[in-house]
Amino acid sequence: MSFTQNLWEQVKPIYKKILEHPFIKELGTGTLDINIFKYYIEQDSLYLVDYARALSVLSAKSGNIEYILQFSQFAADTIIVERSLHDTYFKKYNLHLPREQNPACFMYTRYLLSTCSLQNIETGVAALLPCFWVYREVSSHILNIAGKDNPFIDWIRAYSTGKFAASTDIMLQITETIAAGASETVKNKMIEAFIMATRLEYLFWDGNYKRENWMI
């Protein structure tokens, strides 16, 4: 079993919970409350800014020129490509960028930024991987059940096919390569980071479905 295959085995129970979450189920059937989707798009736009920052941190820390270029490209794609999709929804629904992240978004982005900044590059890569991998798998799952008239079909296709799907494969290969040269201690840290980030993926869906905000 490869290292990344082992990572996926570790999070299968969490992934199952994600697929069972009403946000994902209703997104697939096209019945998700449009106001929930709008709230999600607003929060995800804030998330993407910090995700790009985390990728840039890894680029700056890397001693491998290929990884420097690749992480920089991922960061640029996050801002240019994914934000263009979000901008489409912002115009369509007349949305506005929120002033602050909700609790789930804040928790997730701060975990990624702190891990990429304070931990080794291997652990940082593992922490960022779920945003690629889980998103692709979830959207691919939804694509299999979504009808052509699904109002969220553009979002579903954006993350299940094309450039994002190809970028996920690249990130998986990077993870596999750096794990091959890592000690068992570092590999265990990578596994822990991957599991934690996948948990935070679930909480991000959940927090946006409930439209949670700070109580104080």
N, C-alpha and C. Protein backbone atom coordinates (compact mmCIF):
# COMPACT_ATOMS: atom_id res chain seq x y z
N MET A 1 0.84 -1.20 0.00
CA MET A 1 0.00 0.00 0.00
C MET A 1 0.87 1.25 0.00
N SER A 2 0.59 2.18 -0.87
CA SER A 2 1.37 3.41 -0.94
C SER A 2 1.05 4.30 0.27
N PHE A 3 1.87 5.31 0.48
CA PHE A 3 1.66 6.21 1.60
C PHE A 3 0.32 6.94 1.48
N THR A 4 0.01 7.44 0.29
CA THR A 4 -1.25 8.17 0.12
C THR A 4 -2.45 7.25 0.23
N GLN A 5 -2.31 6.02 -0.21
CA GLN A 5 -3.40 5.06 -0.04
C GLN A 5 -3.66 4.83 1.45
N ASN A 6 -2.57 4.76 2.22
CA ASN A 6 -2.71 4.60 3.66
C ASN A 6 -3.38 5.82 4.28
N LEU A 7 -3.04 7.01 3.78
CA LEU A 7 -3.69 8.22 4.28
C LEU A 7 -5.20 8.13 4.09
N TRP A 8 -5.61 7.69 2.90
CA TRP A 8 -7.05 7.62 2.63
C TRP A 8 -7.73 6.58 3.52
N GLU A 9 -7.06 5.49 3.77
CA GLU A 9 -7.62 4.48 4.67
C GLU A 9 -7.86 5.07 6.05
N GLN A 10 -6.95 5.94 6.48
CA GLN A 10 -7.06 6.55 7.80
C GLN A 10 -8.31 7.43 7.94
N VAL A 11 -8.72 8.05 6.83
CA VAL A 11 -9.83 9.02 6.93
C VAL A 11 -11.14 8.51 6.33
N LYS A 12 -11.20 7.26 5.96
CA LYS A 12 -12.43 6.73 5.36
C LYS A 12 -13.67 6.96 6.23
N PRO A 13 -13.59 6.77 7.55
CA PRO A 13 -14.78 7.04 8.38
C PRO A 13 -15.20 8.51 8.33
N ILE A 14 -14.22 9.42 8.28
CA ILE A 14 -14.54 10.84 8.20
C ILE A 14 -15.15 11.17 6.84
N TYR A 15 -14.56 10.60 5.79
CA TYR A 15 -15.08 10.84 4.44
C TYR A 15 -16.51 10.34 4.31
N LYS A 16 -16.81 9.21 4.92
CA LYS A 16 -18.17 8.66 4.90
C LYS A 16 -19.12 9.64 5.58
N LYS A 17 -18.68 10.24 6.69
CA LYS A 17 -19.51 11.22 7.38
C LYS A 17 -19.74 12.46 6.51
N ILE A 18 -18.72 12.84 5.76
CA ILE A 18 -18.85 13.99 4.87
C ILE A 18 -19.92 13.71 3.81
N LEU A 19 -19.85 12.54 3.19
CA LEU A 19 -20.83 12.19 2.16
C LEU A 19 -22.24 12.10 2.71
N GLU A 20 -22.35 11.77 3.99
CA GLU A 20 -23.66 11.64 4.63
C GLU A 20 -24.21 12.98 5.12
N HIS A 21 -23.36 14.01 5.09
CA HIS A 21 -23.79 15.31 5.62
C HIS A 21 -24.87 15.90 4.70
N PRO A 22 -25.90 16.54 5.28
CA PRO A 22 -26.98 17.10 4.47
C PRO A 22 -26.51 18.14 3.46
N PHE A 23 -25.44 18.88 3.77
CA PHE A 23 -24.92 19.84 2.79
C PHE A 23 -24.56 19.12 1.50
N ILE A 24 -23.82 18.02 1.62
CA ILE A 24 -23.35 17.28 0.45
C ILE A 24 -24.52 16.57 -0.24
N LYS A 25 -25.37 15.94 0.54
CA LYS A 25 -26.52 15.24 -0.04
C LYS A 25 -27.41 16.20 -0.82
N GLU A 26 -27.71 17.34 -0.23
CA GLU A 26 -28.61 18.30 -0.87
C GLU A 26 -27.93 19.02 -2.04
N LEU A 27 -26.62 19.17 -1.96
CA LEU A 27 -25.88 19.73 -3.09
C LEU A 27 -26.01 18.80 -4.30
N GLY A 28 -25.92 17.50 -4.03
CA GLY A 28 -26.00 16.50 -5.10
C GLY A 28 -27.38 16.40 -5.72
N THR A 29 -28.41 16.54 -4.91
CA THR A 29 -29.78 16.45 -5.43
C THR A 29 -30.28 17.79 -5.96
N GLY A 30 -29.51 18.84 -5.70
CA GLY A 30 -29.92 20.17 -6.16
C GLY A 30 -30.93 20.84 -5.27
N THR A 31 -31.15 20.29 -4.07
CA THR A 31 -32.18 20.82 -3.16
C THR A 31 -31.61 21.68 -2.04
N LEU A 32 -30.30 21.92 -2.06
CA LEU A 32 -29.69 22.73 -1.02
C LEU A 32 -30.28 24.14 -1.03
N ASP A 33 -30.63 24.62 0.14
CA ASP A 33 -31.16 25.98 0.29
C ASP A 33 -30.17 26.96 -0.35
N ILE A 34 -30.64 27.77 -1.27
CA ILE A 34 -29.75 28.69 -1.98
C ILE A 34 -29.08 29.66 -1.03
N ASN A 35 -29.72 30.00 0.07
CA ASN A 35 -29.11 30.91 1.04
C ASN A 35 -27.95 30.26 1.77
N ILE A 36 -28.03 28.94 1.96
CA ILE A 36 -26.90 28.21 2.53
C ILE A 36 -25.74 28.19 1.55
N PHE A 37 -26.04 27.96 0.29
CA PHE A 37 -25.00 27.95 -0.74
C PHE A 37 -24.32 29.32 -0.84
N LYS A 38 -25.10 30.38 -0.78
CA LYS A 38 -24.54 31.73 -0.83
C LYS A 38 -23.61 31.96 0.36
N TYR A 39 -24.05 31.54 1.53
CA TYR A 39 -23.24 31.70 2.73
C TYR A 39 -21.93 30.92 2.59
N TYR A 40 -22.03 29.71 2.06
CA TYR A 40 -20.84 28.89 1.84
C TYR A 40 -19.87 29.57 0.87
N ILE A 41 -20.36 30.10 -0.24
CA ILE A 41 -19.51 30.75 -1.22
C ILE A 41 -18.78 31.94 -0.60
N GLU A 42 -19.47 32.71 0.21
CA GLU A 42 -18.84 33.85 0.87
C GLU A 42 -17.71 33.40 1.81
N GLN A 43 -17.98 32.39 2.62
CA GLN A 43 -16.97 31.90 3.54
C GLN A 43 -15.82 31.20 2.80
N ASP A 44 -16.15 30.48 1.75
CA ASP A 44 -15.11 29.78 1.00
C ASP A 44 -14.17 30.77 0.33
N SER A 45 -14.68 31.93 -0.06
CA SER A 45 -13.83 32.95 -0.65
C SER A 45 -12.79 33.45 0.36
N LEU A 46 -13.20 33.60 1.62
CA LEU A 46 -12.25 33.96 2.67
C LEU A 46 -11.25 32.84 2.92
N TYR A 47 -11.76 31.62 2.89
CA TYR A 47 -10.90 30.45 3.09
C TYR A 47 -9.80 30.40 2.03
N LEU A 48 -10.16 30.63 0.78
CA LEU A 48 -9.21 30.50 -0.32
C LEU A 48 -8.05 31.48 -0.21
N VAL A 49 -8.29 32.66 0.32
CA VAL A 49 -7.21 33.63 0.50
C VAL A 49 -6.15 33.07 1.43
N ASP A 50 -6.58 32.51 2.55
CA ASP A 50 -5.62 31.94 3.51
C ASP A 50 -5.01 30.65 3.00
N TYR A 51 -5.78 29.90 2.20
CA TYR A 51 -5.22 28.68 1.63
C TYR A 51 -4.08 29.03 0.67
N ALA A 52 -4.26 30.08 -0.11
CA ALA A 52 -3.19 30.53 -1.01
C ALA A 52 -1.98 30.98 -0.20
N ARG A 53 -2.21 31.64 0.92
CA ARG A 53 -1.11 32.06 1.79
C ARG A 53 -0.33 30.85 2.30
N ALA A 54 -1.06 29.80 2.70
CA ALA A 54 -0.41 28.60 3.22
C ALA A 54 0.44 27.93 2.14
N LEU A 55 -0.07 27.88 0.92
CA LEU A 55 0.70 27.34 -0.20
C LEU A 55 1.95 28.17 -0.45
N SER A 56 1.83 29.48 -0.33
CA SER A 56 2.97 30.37 -0.53
C SER A 56 4.04 30.16 0.54
N VAL A 57 3.60 29.86 1.76
CA VAL A 57 4.54 29.55 2.84
C VAL A 57 5.36 28.31 2.49
N LEU A 58 4.69 27.28 1.99
CA LEU A 58 5.40 26.06 1.60
C LEU A 58 6.37 26.34 0.47
N SER A 59 5.97 27.17 -0.47
CA SER A 59 6.85 27.53 -1.57
C SER A 59 8.11 28.20 -1.05
N ALA A 60 7.95 29.11 -0.10
CA ALA A 60 9.09 29.83 0.45
C ALA A 60 10.01 28.92 1.27
N LYS A 61 9.44 27.90 1.91
CA LYS A 61 10.23 27.01 2.76
C LYS A 61 10.94 25.90 1.98
N SER A 62 10.46 25.61 0.78
CA SER A 62 10.98 24.47 0.04
C SER A 62 12.39 24.73 -0.48
N GLY A 63 13.19 23.67 -0.46
CA GLY A 63 14.53 23.75 -1.04
C GLY A 63 14.57 23.12 -2.43
N ASN A 64 13.45 22.65 -2.89
CA ASN A 64 13.33 22.00 -4.20
C ASN A 64 12.73 22.98 -5.18
N ILE A 65 13.48 23.33 -6.24
CA ILE A 65 13.03 24.35 -7.17
C ILE A 65 11.71 23.98 -7.84
N GLU A 66 11.52 22.68 -8.11
CA GLU A 66 10.27 22.24 -8.73
C GLU A 66 9.08 22.46 -7.79
N TYR A 67 9.30 22.20 -6.51
CA TYR A 67 8.22 22.41 -5.54
C TYR A 67 7.95 23.90 -5.33
N ILE A 68 9.01 24.71 -5.35
CA ILE A 68 8.83 26.16 -5.23
C ILE A 68 7.89 26.65 -6.33
N LEU A 69 8.17 26.20 -7.55
CA LEU A 69 7.35 26.61 -8.69
C LEU A 69 5.94 26.05 -8.59
N GLN A 70 5.83 24.77 -8.18
CA GLN A 70 4.52 24.14 -8.14
C GLN A 70 3.62 24.73 -7.06
N PHE A 71 4.16 24.93 -5.87
CA PHE A 71 3.35 25.51 -4.80
C PHE A 71 2.95 26.95 -5.14
N SER A 72 3.86 27.67 -5.80
CA SER A 72 3.53 29.03 -6.23
C SER A 72 2.41 29.01 -7.26
N GLN A 73 2.46 28.02 -8.17
CA GLN A 73 1.41 27.90 -9.18
C GLN A 73 0.08 27.54 -8.54
N PHE A 74 0.12 26.62 -7.57
CA PHE A 74 -1.11 26.26 -6.85
C PHE A 74 -1.72 27.50 -6.19
N ALA A 75 -0.85 28.32 -5.55
CA ALA A 75 -1.34 29.52 -4.88
C ALA A 75 -1.97 30.47 -5.89
N ALA A 76 -1.32 30.64 -7.04
CA ALA A 76 -1.87 31.52 -8.08
C ALA A 76 -3.19 30.98 -8.61
N ASP A 77 -3.26 29.66 -8.82
CA ASP A 77 -4.50 29.05 -9.32
C ASP A 77 -5.63 29.25 -8.33
N THR A 78 -5.31 29.14 -7.05
CA THR A 78 -6.32 29.31 -6.01
C THR A 78 -6.96 30.69 -6.12
N ILE A 79 -6.12 31.70 -6.32
CA ILE A 79 -6.63 33.06 -6.40
C ILE A 79 -7.29 33.34 -7.74
N ILE A 80 -6.63 32.93 -8.83
CA ILE A 80 -7.11 33.30 -10.16
C ILE A 80 -8.23 32.40 -10.65
N VAL A 81 -7.99 31.07 -10.62
CA VAL A 81 -8.94 30.14 -11.20
C VAL A 81 -10.16 29.92 -10.31
N GLU A 82 -9.90 29.54 -9.04
CA GLU A 82 -11.03 29.26 -8.17
C GLU A 82 -11.81 30.52 -7.81
N ARG A 83 -11.11 31.63 -7.61
CA ARG A 83 -11.81 32.86 -7.29
C ARG A 83 -12.68 33.33 -8.46
N SER A 84 -12.27 33.01 -9.69
CA SER A 84 -13.09 33.39 -10.83
C SER A 84 -14.44 32.69 -10.78
N LEU A 85 -14.44 31.42 -10.33
CA LEU A 85 -15.70 30.70 -10.14
C LEU A 85 -16.54 31.38 -9.07
N HIS A 86 -15.88 31.73 -7.96
CA HIS A 86 -16.61 32.39 -6.89
C HIS A 86 -17.12 33.76 -7.33
N ASP A 87 -16.32 34.48 -8.10
CA ASP A 87 -16.75 35.80 -8.57
C ASP A 87 -18.02 35.70 -9.42
N THR A 88 -18.12 34.60 -10.17
CA THR A 88 -19.33 34.37 -10.96
C THR A 88 -20.56 34.31 -10.06
N TYR A 89 -20.42 33.59 -8.95
CA TYR A 89 -21.54 33.49 -8.01
C TYR A 89 -21.77 34.81 -7.28
N PHE A 90 -20.70 35.55 -6.99
CA PHE A 90 -20.85 36.83 -6.32
C PHE A 90 -21.69 37.78 -7.17
N LYS A 91 -21.43 37.77 -8.48
CA LYS A 91 -22.20 38.64 -9.39
C LYS A 91 -23.62 38.12 -9.56
N LYS A 92 -23.74 36.81 -9.69
CA LYS A 92 -25.06 36.20 -9.92
C LYS A 92 -26.00 36.46 -8.76
N TYR A 93 -25.47 36.34 -7.53
CA TYR A 93 -26.33 36.45 -6.35
C TYR A 93 -26.16 37.78 -5.61
N ASN A 94 -25.36 38.69 -6.18
CA ASN A 94 -25.11 39.98 -5.56
C ASN A 94 -24.57 39.80 -4.14
N LEU A 95 -23.53 38.98 -4.01
CA LEU A 95 -22.93 38.69 -2.72
C LEU A 95 -21.84 39.71 -2.39
N HIS A 96 -21.46 39.73 -1.13
CA HIS A 96 -20.40 40.62 -0.67
C HIS A 96 -19.45 39.83 0.22
N LEU A 97 -18.17 40.12 0.13
CA LEU A 97 -17.19 39.40 0.94
C LEU A 97 -17.41 39.73 2.41
N PRO A 98 -17.59 38.71 3.25
CA PRO A 98 -17.83 38.95 4.68
C PRO A 98 -16.65 39.65 5.34
N ARG A 99 -16.92 40.32 6.44
CA ARG A 99 -15.85 41.00 7.16
C ARG A 99 -14.97 40.03 7.93
N GLU A 100 -15.53 38.88 8.31
CA GLU A 100 -14.74 37.92 9.08
C GLU A 100 -15.15 36.49 8.77
N GLN A 101 -14.21 35.59 9.05
CA GLN A 101 -14.47 34.17 8.87
C GLN A 101 -15.36 33.66 9.99
N ASN A 102 -16.22 32.70 9.67
CA ASN A 102 -17.01 32.08 10.73
C ASN A 102 -16.11 31.14 11.54
N PRO A 103 -16.57 30.60 12.66
CA PRO A 103 -15.70 29.79 13.51
C PRO A 103 -15.04 28.61 12.79
N ALA A 104 -15.79 27.89 11.94
CA ALA A 104 -15.23 26.73 11.26
C ALA A 104 -14.15 27.14 10.26
N CYS A 105 -14.40 28.20 9.53
CA CYS A 105 -13.43 28.70 8.57
C CYS A 105 -12.16 29.19 9.28
N PHE A 106 -12.35 29.94 10.36
CA PHE A 106 -11.22 30.45 11.12
C PHE A 106 -10.37 29.32 11.68
N MET A 107 -11.02 28.32 12.25
CA MET A 107 -10.30 27.19 12.83
C MET A 107 -9.50 26.45 11.76
N TYR A 108 -10.12 26.23 10.61
CA TYR A 108 -9.46 25.49 9.54
C TYR A 108 -8.27 26.27 8.97
N THR A 109 -8.46 27.54 8.65
CA THR A 109 -7.38 28.31 8.03
C THR A 109 -6.23 28.55 9.01
N ARG A 110 -6.55 28.77 10.27
CA ARG A 110 -5.47 28.98 11.24
C ARG A 110 -4.67 27.70 11.45
N TYR A 111 -5.35 26.57 11.37
CA TYR A 111 -4.61 25.30 11.48
C TYR A 111 -3.66 25.15 10.29
N LEU A 112 -4.12 25.43 9.10
CA LEU A 112 -3.27 25.28 7.92
C LEU A 112 -2.10 26.26 7.96
N LEU A 113 -2.38 27.51 8.29
CA LEU A 113 -1.31 28.51 8.31
C LEU A 113 -0.27 28.21 9.39
N SER A 114 -0.72 27.80 10.56
CA SER A 114 0.23 27.49 11.64
C SER A 114 1.03 26.24 11.32
N THR A 115 0.38 25.24 10.74
CA THR A 115 1.10 24.01 10.40
C THR A 115 2.15 24.26 9.32
N CYS A 116 1.77 24.98 8.28
CA CYS A 116 2.72 25.26 7.20
C CYS A 116 3.86 26.17 7.66
N SER A 117 3.57 27.04 8.62
CA SER A 117 4.59 27.99 9.10
C SER A 117 5.52 27.36 10.14
N LEU A 118 4.96 26.57 11.03
CA LEU A 118 5.73 26.11 12.19
C LEU A 118 6.22 24.67 12.10
N GLN A 119 5.59 23.87 11.24
CA GLN A 119 6.00 22.47 11.11
C GLN A 119 6.88 22.31 9.87
N ASN A 120 7.42 21.10 9.70
CA ASN A 120 8.25 20.86 8.52
C ASN A 120 7.39 20.84 7.26
N ILE A 121 8.04 20.93 6.12
CA ILE A 121 7.31 21.03 4.86
C ILE A 121 6.48 19.78 4.58
N GLU A 122 6.97 18.62 5.01
CA GLU A 122 6.22 17.38 4.79
C GLU A 122 4.86 17.42 5.49
N THR A 123 4.87 17.89 6.72
CA THR A 123 3.62 17.97 7.48
C THR A 123 2.69 19.02 6.88
N GLY A 124 3.27 20.11 6.40
CA GLY A 124 2.47 21.13 5.75
C GLY A 124 1.77 20.62 4.50
N VAL A 125 2.49 19.85 3.71
CA VAL A 125 1.91 19.27 2.50
C VAL A 125 0.74 18.35 2.86
N ALA A 126 0.93 17.54 3.86
CA ALA A 126 -0.13 16.61 4.28
C ALA A 126 -1.36 17.35 4.79
N ALA A 127 -1.13 18.49 5.45
CA ALA A 127 -2.25 19.28 5.96
C ALA A 127 -3.04 19.93 4.83
N LEU A 128 -2.37 20.30 3.75
CA LEU A 128 -3.04 20.96 2.63
C LEU A 128 -3.69 19.97 1.67
N LEU A 129 -3.26 18.72 1.71
CA LEU A 129 -3.76 17.73 0.75
C LEU A 129 -5.28 17.51 0.79
N PRO A 130 -5.94 17.45 1.95
CA PRO A 130 -7.39 17.20 1.93
C PRO A 130 -8.19 18.21 1.14
N CYS A 131 -7.77 19.47 1.12
CA CYS A 131 -8.53 20.46 0.36
C CYS A 131 -8.53 20.11 -1.13
N PHE A 132 -7.45 19.53 -1.61
CA PHE A 132 -7.42 19.03 -2.98
C PHE A 132 -8.22 17.74 -3.09
N TRP A 133 -7.80 16.77 -2.32
CA TRP A 133 -8.26 15.39 -2.50
C TRP A 133 -9.71 15.18 -2.10
N VAL A 134 -10.06 15.63 -0.90
CA VAL A 134 -11.43 15.44 -0.42
C VAL A 134 -12.41 16.19 -1.31
N TYR A 135 -12.05 17.41 -1.71
CA TYR A 135 -12.94 18.18 -2.60
C TYR A 135 -13.16 17.45 -3.92
N ARG A 136 -12.07 16.90 -4.48
CA ARG A 136 -12.23 16.20 -5.75
C ARG A 136 -13.11 14.97 -5.60
N GLU A 137 -12.88 14.20 -4.54
CA GLU A 137 -13.65 12.98 -4.34
C GLU A 137 -15.12 13.29 -4.05
N VAL A 138 -15.36 14.29 -3.24
CA VAL A 138 -16.74 14.67 -2.92
C VAL A 138 -17.47 15.14 -4.17
N SER A 139 -16.83 16.02 -4.92
CA SER A 139 -17.49 16.55 -6.12
C SER A 139 -17.67 15.46 -7.18
N SER A 140 -16.73 14.53 -7.27
CA SER A 140 -16.88 13.41 -8.21
C SER A 140 -18.04 12.52 -7.80
N HIS A 141 -18.18 12.30 -6.51
CA HIS A 141 -19.31 11.53 -5.99
C HIS A 141 -20.63 12.21 -6.33
N ILE A 142 -20.68 13.52 -6.12
CA ILE A 142 -21.90 14.28 -6.40
C ILE A 142 -22.22 14.26 -7.89
N LEU A 143 -21.18 14.38 -8.72
CA LEU A 143 -21.39 14.42 -10.16
C LEU A 143 -22.11 13.18 -10.66
N ASN A 144 -21.86 12.06 -10.00
CA ASN A 144 -22.50 10.80 -10.41
C ASN A 144 -23.99 10.76 -10.11
N ILE A 145 -24.45 11.62 -9.22
CA ILE A 145 -25.88 11.60 -8.86
C ILE A 145 -26.61 12.87 -9.26
N ALA A 146 -25.84 13.90 -9.68
CA ALA A 146 -26.46 15.18 -10.02
C ALA A 146 -27.02 15.16 -11.43
N GLY A 147 -28.20 15.71 -11.58
CA GLY A 147 -28.79 15.86 -12.91
C GLY A 147 -28.24 17.09 -13.61
N LYS A 148 -28.43 17.14 -14.93
CA LYS A 148 -27.93 18.26 -15.71
C LYS A 148 -28.60 19.58 -15.32
N ASP A 149 -29.78 19.49 -14.75
CA ASP A 149 -30.49 20.70 -14.34
C ASP A 149 -30.19 21.08 -12.89
N ASN A 150 -29.23 20.39 -12.28
CA ASN A 150 -28.83 20.74 -10.92
C ASN A 150 -28.32 22.18 -10.90
N PRO A 151 -28.86 23.04 -10.04
CA PRO A 151 -28.45 24.45 -10.05
C PRO A 151 -27.00 24.67 -9.62
N PHE A 152 -26.37 23.64 -9.06
CA PHE A 152 -25.00 23.77 -8.59
C PHE A 152 -24.01 23.01 -9.49
N ILE A 153 -24.45 22.66 -10.69
CA ILE A 153 -23.65 21.79 -11.56
C ILE A 153 -22.31 22.42 -11.94
N ASP A 154 -22.25 23.74 -12.08
CA ASP A 154 -20.98 24.39 -12.42
C ASP A 154 -19.96 24.20 -11.31
N TRP A 155 -20.42 24.35 -10.07
CA TRP A 155 -19.52 24.13 -8.93
C TRP A 155 -19.06 22.69 -8.92
N ILE A 156 -19.96 21.76 -9.10
CA ILE A 156 -19.65 20.32 -9.05
C ILE A 156 -18.62 19.96 -10.10
N ARG A 157 -18.81 20.43 -11.31
CA ARG A 157 -17.88 20.12 -12.39
C ARG A 157 -16.51 20.77 -12.20
N ALA A 158 -16.50 21.96 -11.62
CA ALA A 158 -15.24 22.68 -11.43
C ALA A 158 -14.26 21.91 -10.55
N TYR A 159 -14.79 21.19 -9.57
CA TYR A 159 -13.91 20.49 -8.63
C TYR A 159 -13.74 19.00 -8.93
N SER A 160 -14.52 18.47 -9.84
CA SER A 160 -14.42 17.03 -10.13
C SER A 160 -13.67 16.74 -11.42
N THR A 161 -13.48 17.74 -12.25
CA THR A 161 -12.85 17.53 -13.55
C THR A 161 -11.84 18.64 -13.84
N GLY A 162 -11.19 18.54 -14.98
CA GLY A 162 -10.34 19.61 -15.47
C GLY A 162 -9.11 19.90 -14.64
N LYS A 163 -8.77 21.19 -14.55
CA LYS A 163 -7.51 21.60 -13.94
C LYS A 163 -7.43 21.24 -12.47
N PHE A 164 -8.53 21.37 -11.74
CA PHE A 164 -8.49 21.06 -10.32
C PHE A 164 -8.20 19.58 -10.09
N ALA A 165 -8.83 18.71 -10.87
CA ALA A 165 -8.60 17.27 -10.75
C ALA A 165 -7.14 16.94 -11.07
N ALA A 166 -6.58 17.59 -12.10
CA ALA A 166 -5.18 17.37 -12.47
C ALA A 166 -4.24 17.87 -11.37
N SER A 167 -4.57 19.00 -10.77
CA SER A 167 -3.74 19.54 -9.68
C SER A 167 -3.75 18.60 -8.48
N THR A 168 -4.89 17.96 -8.25
CA THR A 168 -4.97 16.99 -7.15
C THR A 168 -4.00 15.84 -7.38
N ASP A 169 -3.92 15.36 -8.59
CA ASP A 169 -2.98 14.29 -8.92
C ASP A 169 -1.54 14.72 -8.67
N ILE A 170 -1.22 15.95 -9.03
CA ILE A 170 0.13 16.47 -8.80
C ILE A 170 0.44 16.54 -7.31
N MET A 171 -0.53 17.03 -6.53
CA MET A 171 -0.34 17.14 -5.08
C MET A 171 -0.17 15.76 -4.45
N LEU A 172 -0.91 14.79 -4.95
CA LEU A 172 -0.77 13.42 -4.44
C LEU A 172 0.63 12.88 -4.74
N GLN A 173 1.14 13.16 -5.93
CA GLN A 173 2.47 12.68 -6.28
C GLN A 173 3.55 13.35 -5.44
N ILE A 174 3.39 14.64 -5.18
CA ILE A 174 4.33 15.35 -4.30
C ILE A 174 4.32 14.73 -2.92
N THR A 175 3.13 14.47 -2.40
CA THR A 175 3.01 13.86 -1.07
C THR A 175 3.69 12.50 -1.04
N GLU A 176 3.47 11.71 -2.06
CA GLU A 176 4.07 10.38 -2.14
C GLU A 176 5.60 10.47 -2.18
N THR A 177 6.11 11.41 -2.95
CA THR A 177 7.55 11.56 -3.12
C THR A 177 8.23 12.00 -1.84
N ILE A 178 7.68 13.02 -1.18
CA ILE A 178 8.33 13.50 0.03
C ILE A 178 8.20 12.50 1.17
N ALA A 179 7.13 11.73 1.17
CA ALA A 179 6.97 10.71 2.22
C ALA A 179 8.00 9.60 2.06
N ALA A 180 8.38 9.32 0.82
CA ALA A 180 9.34 8.25 0.55
C ALA A 180 10.70 8.55 1.19
N GLY A 181 11.02 9.82 1.33
CA GLY A 181 12.30 10.18 1.93
C GLY A 181 12.19 10.62 3.37
N ALA A 182 11.03 10.46 3.97
CA ALA A 182 10.80 10.93 5.34
C ALA A 182 11.01 9.81 6.36
N SER A 183 11.37 10.20 7.56
CA SER A 183 11.51 9.25 8.66
C SER A 183 10.13 8.80 9.12
N GLU A 184 10.09 7.76 9.92
CA GLU A 184 8.81 7.28 10.45
C GLU A 184 8.15 8.33 11.33
N THR A 185 8.98 9.08 12.06
CA THR A 185 8.44 10.14 12.91
C THR A 185 7.73 11.20 12.07
N VAL A 186 8.38 11.59 10.98
CA VAL A 186 7.79 12.60 10.10
C VAL A 186 6.55 12.05 9.41
N LYS A 187 6.60 10.80 8.99
CA LYS A 187 5.43 10.18 8.35
C LYS A 187 4.23 10.18 9.30
N ASN A 188 4.48 9.88 10.56
CA ASN A 188 3.40 9.88 11.54
C ASN A 188 2.81 11.28 11.71
N LYS A 189 3.68 12.30 11.67
CA LYS A 189 3.20 13.68 11.74
C LYS A 189 2.35 14.03 10.53
N MET A 190 2.75 13.52 9.38
CA MET A 190 1.99 13.75 8.15
C MET A 190 0.60 13.11 8.25
N ILE A 191 0.56 11.91 8.78
CA ILE A 191 -0.72 11.22 8.94
C ILE A 191 -1.63 12.01 9.88
N GLU A 192 -1.06 12.46 11.00
CA GLU A 192 -1.84 13.24 11.97
C GLU A 192 -2.39 14.52 11.34
N ALA A 193 -1.57 15.19 10.55
CA ALA A 193 -1.99 16.44 9.91
C ALA A 193 -3.09 16.18 8.88
N PHE A 194 -2.95 15.10 8.13
CA PHE A 194 -3.96 14.77 7.11
C PHE A 194 -5.30 14.46 7.77
N ILE A 195 -5.26 13.70 8.84
CA ILE A 195 -6.50 13.37 9.56
C ILE A 195 -7.15 14.63 10.12
N MET A 196 -6.34 15.48 10.76
CA MET A 196 -6.90 16.70 11.35
C MET A 196 -7.51 17.61 10.30
N ALA A 197 -6.83 17.79 9.18
CA ALA A 197 -7.36 18.65 8.12
C ALA A 197 -8.64 18.07 7.52
N THR A 198 -8.74 16.75 7.45
CA THR A 198 -9.96 16.13 6.94
C THR A 198 -11.10 16.33 7.92
N ARG A 199 -10.82 16.27 9.19
CA ARG A 199 -11.84 16.59 10.20
C ARG A 199 -12.34 18.02 10.01
N LEU A 200 -11.39 18.92 9.75
CA LEU A 200 -11.76 20.32 9.58
C LEU A 200 -12.54 20.55 8.29
N GLU A 201 -12.30 19.70 7.29
CA GLU A 201 -13.12 19.74 6.08
C GLU A 201 -14.58 19.47 6.45
N TYR A 202 -14.79 18.44 7.25
CA TYR A 202 -16.15 18.11 7.68
C TYR A 202 -16.77 19.29 8.43
N LEU A 203 -16.01 19.86 9.37
CA LEU A 203 -16.54 20.95 10.18
C LEU A 203 -16.83 22.19 9.33
N PHE A 204 -16.06 22.37 8.25
CA PHE A 204 -16.31 23.50 7.35
C PHE A 204 -17.66 23.35 6.65
N TRP A 205 -17.93 22.14 6.15
CA TRP A 205 -19.25 21.88 5.54
C TRP A 205 -20.35 22.11 6.58
N ASP A 206 -20.13 21.56 7.76
CA ASP A 206 -21.14 21.63 8.81
C ASP A 206 -21.40 23.06 9.26
N GLY A 207 -20.33 23.82 9.47
CA GLY A 207 -20.47 25.19 9.93
C GLY A 207 -21.19 26.07 8.92
N ASN A 208 -20.93 25.81 7.64
CA ASN A 208 -21.59 26.60 6.61
C ASN A 208 -23.05 26.18 6.42
N TYR A 209 -23.32 24.89 6.59
CA TYR A 209 -24.71 24.42 6.49
C TYR A 209 -25.57 25.05 7.59
N LYS A 210 -24.98 25.17 8.77
CA LYS A 210 -25.70 25.74 9.91
C LYS A 210 -25.61 27.27 9.94
N ARG A 211 -24.80 27.82 9.02
CA ARG A 211 -24.54 29.27 8.96
C ARG A 211 -24.15 29.80 10.33
N GLU A 212 -23.19 29.13 10.90
CA GLU A 212 -22.73 29.50 12.24
C GLU A 212 -21.99 30.84 12.21
N ASN A 213 -22.17 31.57 13.27
CA ASN A 213 -21.44 32.82 13.46
C ASN A 213 -20.95 32.89 14.90
N TRP A 214 -20.08 33.85 15.15
CA TRP A 214 -19.58 34.00 16.51
C TRP A 214 -20.71 34.45 17.43
N MET A 215 -20.77 33.83 18.60
CA MET A 215 -21.84 34.16 19.54
C MET A 215 -21.58 35.47 20.28
N ILE A 216 -20.29 35.82 20.38
CA ILE A 216 -19.93 37.07 21.09
C ILE A 216 -18.92 37.85 20.26
